[in-house]
N, C-alpha and C. Protein backbone atom coordinates (compact mmCIF):
# COMPACT_ATOMS: atom_id res chain seq x y z
N MET A 1 36.29 96.74 -185.03
CA MET A 1 37.34 97.47 -185.21
C MET A 1 37.70 97.43 -183.40
N ALA A 2 38.81 96.30 -183.21
CA ALA A 2 39.08 96.49 -182.16
C ALA A 2 39.94 97.59 -181.56
N GLY A 3 39.56 98.03 -180.23
CA GLY A 3 40.49 99.51 -180.04
C GLY A 3 39.94 100.69 -180.32
N ASP A 4 38.60 100.75 -181.30
CA ASP A 4 38.42 102.08 -181.23
C ASP A 4 37.35 102.38 -180.53
N THR A 5 36.79 101.64 -179.23
CA THR A 5 36.29 102.10 -178.02
C THR A 5 36.45 102.10 -176.95
N THR A 6 36.28 103.35 -176.13
CA THR A 6 37.26 103.58 -174.96
C THR A 6 36.40 102.29 -173.79
N PRO A 7 37.18 102.40 -172.48
CA PRO A 7 36.43 101.24 -171.57
C PRO A 7 35.34 102.04 -171.38
N VAL A 8 35.13 103.17 -171.02
CA VAL A 8 33.93 104.08 -170.40
C VAL A 8 32.88 103.96 -171.48
N GLN A 9 32.94 104.05 -172.63
CA GLN A 9 32.12 103.95 -173.45
C GLN A 9 31.46 102.49 -173.93
N SER A 10 32.79 101.64 -173.52
CA SER A 10 32.21 100.35 -173.88
C SER A 10 31.21 99.84 -172.50
N GLU A 11 31.61 100.21 -171.30
CA GLU A 11 30.74 100.13 -170.33
C GLU A 11 29.20 100.69 -170.54
N ARG A 12 29.17 101.96 -170.69
CA ARG A 12 28.25 102.48 -171.04
C ARG A 12 27.21 101.71 -172.03
N HIS A 13 27.42 101.45 -173.16
CA HIS A 13 26.90 100.58 -174.12
C HIS A 13 26.50 99.25 -173.67
N ALA A 14 27.23 98.75 -172.59
CA ALA A 14 26.60 97.48 -171.99
C ALA A 14 25.77 97.73 -171.12
N ALA A 15 25.84 98.54 -170.64
CA ALA A 15 24.62 98.93 -169.19
C ALA A 15 23.62 99.67 -170.34
N LEU A 16 23.65 99.95 -171.34
CA LEU A 16 22.11 100.73 -172.06
C LEU A 16 21.71 99.11 -172.79
N LEU A 17 22.42 97.82 -173.12
CA LEU A 17 22.20 97.18 -173.66
C LEU A 17 21.18 96.23 -172.27
N ARG A 18 21.79 96.33 -171.06
CA ARG A 18 21.13 95.56 -170.16
C ARG A 18 20.07 96.20 -169.75
N ALA A 19 19.49 97.33 -169.84
CA ALA A 19 18.69 98.19 -169.33
C ALA A 19 17.20 97.66 -170.33
N MET A 20 17.71 97.16 -171.44
CA MET A 20 16.88 96.99 -172.74
C MET A 20 15.97 95.65 -172.00
N THR A 21 14.94 95.67 -172.88
CA THR A 21 14.33 94.20 -172.74
C THR A 21 14.68 93.25 -174.30
N SER A 22 14.39 92.28 -174.10
CA SER A 22 14.92 91.38 -174.89
C SER A 22 14.29 91.93 -176.43
N GLU A 23 13.18 92.16 -176.38
CA GLU A 23 12.33 92.69 -177.48
C GLU A 23 12.96 93.82 -178.04
N GLN A 24 13.41 94.88 -177.01
CA GLN A 24 13.87 96.19 -177.75
C GLN A 24 15.47 95.75 -178.20
N ARG A 25 15.92 94.80 -177.32
CA ARG A 25 17.09 94.51 -178.24
C ARG A 25 17.33 93.82 -179.52
N ALA A 26 16.06 92.89 -180.09
CA ALA A 26 15.87 92.31 -181.11
C ALA A 26 15.39 93.62 -182.13
N LEU A 27 14.53 94.66 -181.80
CA LEU A 27 14.28 95.43 -182.66
C LEU A 27 15.50 96.37 -182.95
N ALA A 28 16.31 96.73 -181.70
CA ALA A 28 17.71 97.69 -182.26
C ALA A 28 18.44 96.70 -183.15
N LEU A 29 18.98 95.48 -183.03
CA LEU A 29 19.29 94.80 -184.16
C LEU A 29 18.87 94.44 -185.34
N ARG A 30 17.42 94.48 -185.54
CA ARG A 30 16.84 94.46 -187.10
C ARG A 30 16.98 95.76 -187.41
N SER A 31 16.94 96.79 -186.89
CA SER A 31 17.18 98.15 -187.50
C SER A 31 18.41 98.27 -188.10
N VAL A 32 19.48 97.90 -186.90
CA VAL A 32 20.98 97.78 -187.41
C VAL A 32 21.13 97.17 -188.79
N ASP A 33 20.73 95.81 -188.72
CA ASP A 33 20.73 94.76 -189.57
C ASP A 33 20.33 95.92 -191.11
N ARG A 34 18.97 96.27 -191.13
CA ARG A 34 18.16 96.83 -192.01
C ARG A 34 19.18 98.16 -192.85
N GLY A 35 20.02 98.51 -191.92
CA GLY A 35 20.54 99.60 -192.11
C GLY A 35 22.02 99.29 -192.82
N VAL A 36 22.71 98.29 -192.54
CA VAL A 36 23.82 97.41 -193.14
C VAL A 36 23.30 96.95 -194.68
N ARG A 37 21.88 96.36 -194.48
CA ARG A 37 21.85 95.89 -195.96
C ARG A 37 21.55 97.11 -196.72
N ARG A 38 20.63 98.12 -196.41
CA ARG A 38 20.64 99.42 -197.28
C ARG A 38 21.89 99.87 -197.78
N LEU A 39 22.97 99.83 -196.76
CA LEU A 39 24.05 100.43 -197.79
C LEU A 39 25.05 99.53 -198.20
N ALA A 40 24.78 98.33 -198.15
CA ALA A 40 25.26 97.31 -198.86
C ALA A 40 24.79 97.23 -200.27
N LEU A 41 23.46 97.36 -200.38
CA LEU A 41 22.72 97.60 -202.07
C LEU A 41 23.32 98.65 -202.47
N ALA A 42 23.26 99.94 -201.74
CA ALA A 42 23.83 101.27 -202.19
C ALA A 42 24.87 100.95 -202.85
N ARG A 43 25.79 100.57 -202.25
CA ARG A 43 27.10 99.95 -202.97
C ARG A 43 27.09 99.15 -204.03
N LEU A 44 26.26 97.99 -203.80
CA LEU A 44 26.39 97.53 -205.40
C LEU A 44 25.65 98.27 -206.46
N ARG A 45 24.77 99.11 -205.83
CA ARG A 45 23.85 99.92 -207.21
C ARG A 45 24.98 101.42 -207.51
N ASN A 46 25.83 101.27 -206.74
CA ASN A 46 27.06 102.24 -207.10
C ASN A 46 27.80 101.58 -208.25
N LEU A 47 28.36 100.18 -208.10
CA LEU A 47 29.17 99.23 -208.70
C LEU A 47 28.63 98.78 -209.91
N HIS A 48 27.30 98.74 -210.08
CA HIS A 48 26.59 98.25 -211.22
C HIS A 48 25.37 98.97 -211.27
N PRO A 49 25.43 100.06 -211.53
CA PRO A 49 24.16 101.13 -212.05
C PRO A 49 23.49 100.57 -212.89
N ASP A 50 23.66 99.74 -214.11
CA ASP A 50 22.85 99.23 -214.92
C ASP A 50 21.77 98.19 -214.85
N GLU A 51 22.01 97.50 -213.39
CA GLU A 51 21.47 96.41 -213.19
C GLU A 51 20.38 96.47 -212.65
N SER A 52 19.29 95.52 -212.50
CA SER A 52 17.94 95.64 -211.91
C SER A 52 18.01 95.70 -210.50
N GLU A 53 16.88 96.06 -209.59
CA GLU A 53 17.01 95.75 -208.35
C GLU A 53 17.14 94.33 -207.63
N GLN A 54 16.42 93.56 -208.26
CA GLN A 54 16.37 92.16 -208.30
C GLN A 54 18.05 91.68 -208.67
N GLN A 55 18.94 92.10 -209.56
CA GLN A 55 19.79 91.27 -209.83
C GLN A 55 20.76 91.87 -208.86
N LEU A 56 20.79 93.25 -208.00
CA LEU A 56 21.25 93.51 -206.79
C LEU A 56 21.02 92.91 -205.65
N VAL A 57 20.07 92.53 -205.46
CA VAL A 57 19.86 91.86 -204.26
C VAL A 57 20.33 90.34 -204.51
N ILE A 58 20.07 89.43 -205.70
CA ILE A 58 20.77 88.29 -205.85
C ILE A 58 22.34 88.70 -205.36
N ARG A 59 23.03 89.70 -206.07
CA ARG A 59 24.82 90.10 -205.84
C ARG A 59 24.73 90.08 -204.34
N HIS A 60 23.77 90.72 -203.57
CA HIS A 60 24.01 90.74 -202.26
C HIS A 60 23.74 89.19 -201.54
N VAL A 61 23.07 88.48 -201.89
CA VAL A 61 22.83 87.26 -201.31
C VAL A 61 23.85 86.33 -201.70
N ALA A 62 24.52 86.88 -202.61
CA ALA A 62 25.61 85.59 -203.18
C ALA A 62 26.96 86.52 -202.54
N HIS A 63 26.93 87.31 -201.88
CA HIS A 63 28.26 87.96 -201.38
C HIS A 63 28.12 87.26 -200.05
N VAL A 64 26.64 86.94 -199.11
CA VAL A 64 26.54 87.40 -198.17
C VAL A 64 26.82 85.96 -197.43
N HIS A 65 26.03 84.95 -198.35
CA HIS A 65 25.53 83.62 -198.12
C HIS A 65 26.34 82.69 -199.22
N GLY A 66 26.91 83.21 -200.06
CA GLY A 66 27.84 82.20 -201.07
C GLY A 66 26.96 82.36 -202.37
N LEU A 67 28.13 82.00 -203.26
CA LEU A 67 27.45 82.06 -204.54
C LEU A 67 26.68 80.60 -204.91
N ASP A 68 26.95 79.43 -204.21
CA ASP A 68 26.17 78.12 -204.11
C ASP A 68 24.88 78.11 -203.68
N THR A 69 24.54 78.85 -202.63
CA THR A 69 23.36 79.67 -202.35
C THR A 69 22.28 80.22 -202.98
N ALA A 70 23.19 81.32 -203.47
CA ALA A 70 22.64 82.04 -204.45
C ALA A 70 22.37 81.45 -205.76
N ARG A 71 22.76 80.12 -206.41
CA ARG A 71 22.52 79.47 -207.55
C ARG A 71 21.48 78.71 -206.98
N ARG A 72 21.50 78.06 -205.70
CA ARG A 72 20.11 77.34 -205.37
C ARG A 72 18.66 78.18 -205.16
N LEU A 73 19.26 79.47 -204.67
CA LEU A 73 17.72 80.20 -204.73
C LEU A 73 17.27 80.93 -205.96
N TYR A 74 18.02 81.23 -206.54
CA TYR A 74 17.43 82.31 -207.95
C TYR A 74 18.18 81.79 -209.17
N GLY A 75 18.86 80.23 -209.25
CA GLY A 75 18.92 79.48 -210.32
C GLY A 75 19.37 80.32 -211.69
N ALA A 76 18.77 80.77 -212.99
CA ALA A 76 18.51 81.02 -213.92
C ALA A 76 18.75 82.53 -213.77
N LEU A 77 18.57 83.27 -212.98
CA LEU A 77 18.77 84.64 -212.66
C LEU A 77 20.26 85.11 -212.79
N LEU A 78 21.07 84.19 -212.36
CA LEU A 78 22.78 84.11 -212.10
C LEU A 78 23.57 84.52 -213.38
N PRO A 79 23.07 84.58 -214.39
CA PRO A 79 24.47 84.62 -215.39
C PRO A 79 24.77 86.02 -215.22
N GLY A 80 26.27 85.80 -215.09
CA GLY A 80 27.16 86.96 -215.58
C GLY A 80 27.36 87.19 -213.72
N LEU A 81 26.62 86.66 -212.76
CA LEU A 81 27.18 87.37 -211.28
C LEU A 81 28.28 87.07 -210.97
N GLU A 82 29.09 85.74 -211.43
CA GLU A 82 30.68 85.74 -211.23
C GLU A 82 31.73 86.45 -211.49
N LYS A 83 31.22 87.57 -212.52
CA LYS A 83 32.41 88.58 -212.57
C LYS A 83 31.99 89.50 -211.30
């Protein structure tokens, strides 16, 4: 979201990132990625409460990487995913 961070906050964030090692930045990014994935799966769980965890993961993969990729990876497990 453009414009939601003040210049002071932006500079502080940049300084904190510069102070981190590459490994620390990678770990922080991985943590954020996991959190976003958990939120996405929670949303899908709310939208499709009767589906299995596997089907929710397949829906997530289809959303993030596209339906063609999900078809290649999960094949026959996709019926009804297009809805």
